[in-house]
């Protein structure tokens, strides 16, 4: 699942991951991601840190309550070390900065899903 409030990011990442053979769900807000995770299990989440309403850190906490073993990669345009460390403490396993290195993103996703 890709969670980001920017439609362009949802489209770019969705198309990229679909072209890599993944089934992709998207959510444009933290609350929408939480609602979708209540309906079905996810294999991995790409989660934006800076969203209006429920931000990425709050969303991460809620997603982990629903599915504690859920692998989450945080995505952000801001290099805020404190927030990145918070995300790792809560259970994110990686953080990718915008603009994306799609080669690294592919490697991170594949490595986690093949564990």
C-alpha atoms as a PDB file:
ATOM      1  CA  UNK A   1       0.000   0.000   0.000  1.00  0.00           C
ATOM      2  CA  UNK A   2       1.232   3.499  -0.836  1.00  0.00           C
ATOM      3  CA  UNK A   3       0.087   6.275   1.514  1.00  0.00           C
ATOM      4  CA  UNK A   4       0.685   9.862   0.403  1.00  0.00           C
ATOM      5  CA  UNK A   5      -1.439  12.992   0.147  1.00  0.00           C
ATOM      6  CA  UNK A   6       0.203  13.969  -3.166  1.00  0.00           C
ATOM      7  CA  UNK A   7      -1.650  12.432  -6.140  1.00  0.00           C
ATOM      8  CA  UNK A   8       1.474  12.606  -8.343  1.00  0.00           C
ATOM      9  CA  UNK A   9       3.470  10.527  -5.850  1.00  0.00           C
ATOM     10  CA  UNK A  10       0.676   7.948  -5.633  1.00  0.00           C
ATOM     11  CA  UNK A  11       0.608   7.741  -9.426  1.00  0.00           C
ATOM     12  CA  UNK A  12       4.398   7.532  -9.936  1.00  0.00           C
ATOM     13  CA  UNK A  13       4.990   4.959  -7.210  1.00  0.00           C
ATOM     14  CA  UNK A  14       1.856   3.022  -8.124  1.00  0.00           C
ATOM     15  CA  UNK A  15       2.849   2.753 -11.780  1.00  0.00           C
ATOM     16  CA  UNK A  16       6.433   1.854 -10.892  1.00  0.00           C
ATOM     17  CA  UNK A  17       5.501  -0.904  -8.442  1.00  0.00           C
ATOM     18  CA  UNK A  18       2.766  -2.230 -10.749  1.00  0.00           C
ATOM     19  CA  UNK A  19       5.332  -2.468 -13.557  1.00  0.00           C
ATOM     20  CA  UNK A  20       7.495  -4.506 -11.158  1.00  0.00           C
ATOM     21  CA  UNK A  21       4.640  -6.996 -10.762  1.00  0.00           C
ATOM     22  CA  UNK A  22       3.166  -5.836  -7.448  1.00  0.00           C
ATOM     23  CA  UNK A  23      -0.530  -5.428  -6.690  1.00  0.00           C
ATOM     24  CA  UNK A  24      -0.775  -1.851  -5.453  1.00  0.00           C
ATOM     25  CA  UNK A  25      -3.305  -0.232  -3.142  1.00  0.00           C
ATOM     26  CA  UNK A  26      -3.198   3.501  -2.500  1.00  0.00           C
ATOM     27  CA  UNK A  27      -4.457   5.755   0.259  1.00  0.00           C
ATOM     28  CA  UNK A  28      -4.450   9.546   0.158  1.00  0.00           C
ATOM     29  CA  UNK A  29      -4.508   9.989   3.940  1.00  0.00           C
ATOM     30  CA  UNK A  30      -3.442   8.260   7.103  1.00  0.00           C
ATOM     31  CA  UNK A  31      -7.044   7.600   8.076  1.00  0.00           C
ATOM     32  CA  UNK A  32      -7.806   6.049   4.698  1.00  0.00           C
ATOM     33  CA  UNK A  33      -4.766   3.760   5.116  1.00  0.00           C
ATOM     34  CA  UNK A  34      -5.965   2.683   8.565  1.00  0.00           C
ATOM     35  CA  UNK A  35      -9.447   1.993   7.188  1.00  0.00           C
ATOM     36  CA  UNK A  36      -8.037  -0.089   4.305  1.00  0.00           C
ATOM     37  CA  UNK A  37      -5.798  -2.094   6.626  1.00  0.00           C
ATOM     38  CA  UNK A  38      -8.848  -2.974   8.738  1.00  0.00           C
ATOM     39  CA  UNK A  39     -10.379  -4.463   5.566  1.00  0.00           C
ATOM     40  CA  UNK A  40      -7.374  -6.422   4.288  1.00  0.00           C
ATOM     41  CA  UNK A  41      -3.814  -7.347   5.179  1.00  0.00           C
ATOM     42  CA  UNK A  42      -0.941  -5.548   3.439  1.00  0.00           C
ATOM     43  CA  UNK A  43       2.450  -7.053   2.604  1.00  0.00           C
ATOM     44  CA  UNK A  44       4.279  -3.721   2.817  1.00  0.00           C
ATOM     45  CA  UNK A  45       3.477  -0.019   3.176  1.00  0.00           C
ATOM     46  CA  UNK A  46       5.217   3.026   1.729  1.00  0.00           C
ATOM     47  CA  UNK A  47       4.154   5.801   4.092  1.00  0.00           C
ATOM     48  CA  UNK A  48       4.663   9.549   3.686  1.00  0.00           C
ATOM     49  CA  UNK A  49       5.744  11.304   6.880  1.00  0.00           C
ATOM     50  CA  UNK A  50       4.238  14.725   6.217  1.00  0.00           C
ATOM     51  CA  UNK A  51       0.508  14.554   5.569  1.00  0.00           C
ATOM     52  CA  UNK A  52      -2.318  16.795   6.759  1.00  0.00           C
ATOM     53  CA  UNK A  53      -4.542  15.379   9.468  1.00  0.00           C
ATOM     54  CA  UNK A  54      -3.021  12.134  10.701  1.00  0.00           C
ATOM     55  CA  UNK A  55       0.691  12.502   9.932  1.00  0.00           C
ATOM     56  CA  UNK A  56       2.998   9.642   9.007  1.00  0.00           C
ATOM     57  CA  UNK A  57       4.205   8.928  12.547  1.00  0.00           C
ATOM     58  CA  UNK A  58       0.627   8.788  13.890  1.00  0.00           C
ATOM     59  CA  UNK A  59      -0.414   6.630  10.945  1.00  0.00           C
ATOM     60  CA  UNK A  60       2.520   4.277  11.530  1.00  0.00           C
ATOM     61  CA  UNK A  61       1.452   3.791  15.156  1.00  0.00           C
ATOM     62  CA  UNK A  62      -2.121   2.979  14.111  1.00  0.00           C
ATOM     63  CA  UNK A  63      -1.067   0.617  11.318  1.00  0.00           C
ATOM     64  CA  UNK A  64       1.227  -1.281  13.705  1.00  0.00           C
ATOM     65  CA  UNK A  65      -1.674  -1.704  16.167  1.00  0.00           C
ATOM     66  CA  UNK A  66      -3.704  -3.390  13.430  1.00  0.00           C
ATOM     67  CA  UNK A  67      -0.885  -5.446  11.879  1.00  0.00           C
ATOM     68  CA  UNK A  68       2.175  -5.474  14.209  1.00  0.00           C
ATOM     69  CA  UNK A  69       4.430  -7.340  11.758  1.00  0.00           C
ATOM     70  CA  UNK A  70       3.651  -4.942   8.878  1.00  0.00           C
ATOM     71  CA  UNK A  71       6.822  -3.836   7.053  1.00  0.00           C
ATOM     72  CA  UNK A  72       6.779  -0.052   6.576  1.00  0.00           C
ATOM     73  CA  UNK A  73       9.093   2.166   4.550  1.00  0.00           C
ATOM     74  CA  UNK A  74       8.739   5.841   5.407  1.00  0.00           C
ATOM     75  CA  UNK A  75       8.984   8.350   2.557  1.00  0.00           C
ATOM     76  CA  UNK A  76       9.706  12.027   3.053  1.00  0.00           C
ATOM     77  CA  UNK A  77      11.034  15.157   1.401  1.00  0.00           C
ATOM     78  CA  UNK A  78      12.303  16.461   4.749  1.00  0.00           C
ATOM     79  CA  UNK A  79      15.553  15.288   6.299  1.00  0.00           C
ATOM     80  CA  UNK A  80      14.339  15.499   9.889  1.00  0.00           C
ATOM     81  CA  UNK A  81      16.535  13.038  11.785  1.00  0.00           C
ATOM     82  CA  UNK A  82      14.343  13.112  14.897  1.00  0.00           C
ATOM     83  CA  UNK A  83      11.234  12.034  12.984  1.00  0.00           C
ATOM     84  CA  UNK A  84      13.151   9.339  11.128  1.00  0.00           C
ATOM     85  CA  UNK A  85      14.464   7.950  14.432  1.00  0.00           C
ATOM     86  CA  UNK A  86      10.919   8.059  15.868  1.00  0.00           C
ATOM     87  CA  UNK A  87       9.664   6.078  12.875  1.00  0.00           C
ATOM     88  CA  UNK A  88      12.363   3.432  13.356  1.00  0.00           C
ATOM     89  CA  UNK A  89      11.517   3.164  17.060  1.00  0.00           C
ATOM     90  CA  UNK A  90       7.858   2.578  16.218  1.00  0.00           C
ATOM     91  CA  UNK A  91       8.726  -0.108  13.700  1.00  0.00           C
ATOM     92  CA  UNK A  92       9.556   1.318  10.268  1.00  0.00           C
ATOM     93  CA  UNK A  93      12.442  -0.565   8.676  1.00  0.00           C
ATOM     94  CA  UNK A  94      13.641   2.029   6.156  1.00  0.00           C
ATOM     95  CA  UNK A  95      13.259   5.655   5.120  1.00  0.00           C
ATOM     96  CA  UNK A  96      13.506   6.861   1.538  1.00  0.00           C
ATOM     97  CA  UNK A  97      13.894  10.531   0.711  1.00  0.00           C
ATOM     98  CA  UNK A  98      12.172  12.367  -2.117  1.00  0.00           C
ATOM     99  CA  UNK A  99      13.094  12.653  -4.937  1.00  0.00           C
ATOM    100  CA  UNK A 100      13.119   8.868  -5.110  1.00  0.00           C
ATOM    101  CA  UNK A 101      15.915   6.633  -6.236  1.00  0.00           C
ATOM    102  CA  UNK A 102      13.649   4.027  -7.832  1.00  0.00           C
ATOM    103  CA  UNK A 103      16.475   1.487  -8.035  1.00  0.00           C
ATOM    104  CA  UNK A 104      16.978   1.717  -4.256  1.00  0.00           C
ATOM    105  CA  UNK A 105      13.219   1.590  -3.683  1.00  0.00           C
ATOM    106  CA  UNK A 106      12.966  -1.619  -5.732  1.00  0.00           C
ATOM    107  CA  UNK A 107      15.849  -3.174  -3.764  1.00  0.00           C
ATOM    108  CA  UNK A 108      14.357  -2.186  -0.386  1.00  0.00           C
ATOM    109  CA  UNK A 109      10.917  -3.554  -1.266  1.00  0.00           C
ATOM    110  CA  UNK A 110      12.263  -6.791  -2.744  1.00  0.00           C
ATOM    111  CA  UNK A 111      14.665  -7.412   0.146  1.00  0.00           C
ATOM    112  CA  UNK A 112      11.913  -7.061   2.733  1.00  0.00           C
ATOM    113  CA  UNK A 113       9.342  -9.131   0.864  1.00  0.00           C
ATOM    114  CA  UNK A 114      11.820 -11.947   0.215  1.00  0.00           C
ATOM    115  CA  UNK A 115      12.899 -12.275   3.878  1.00  0.00           C
END
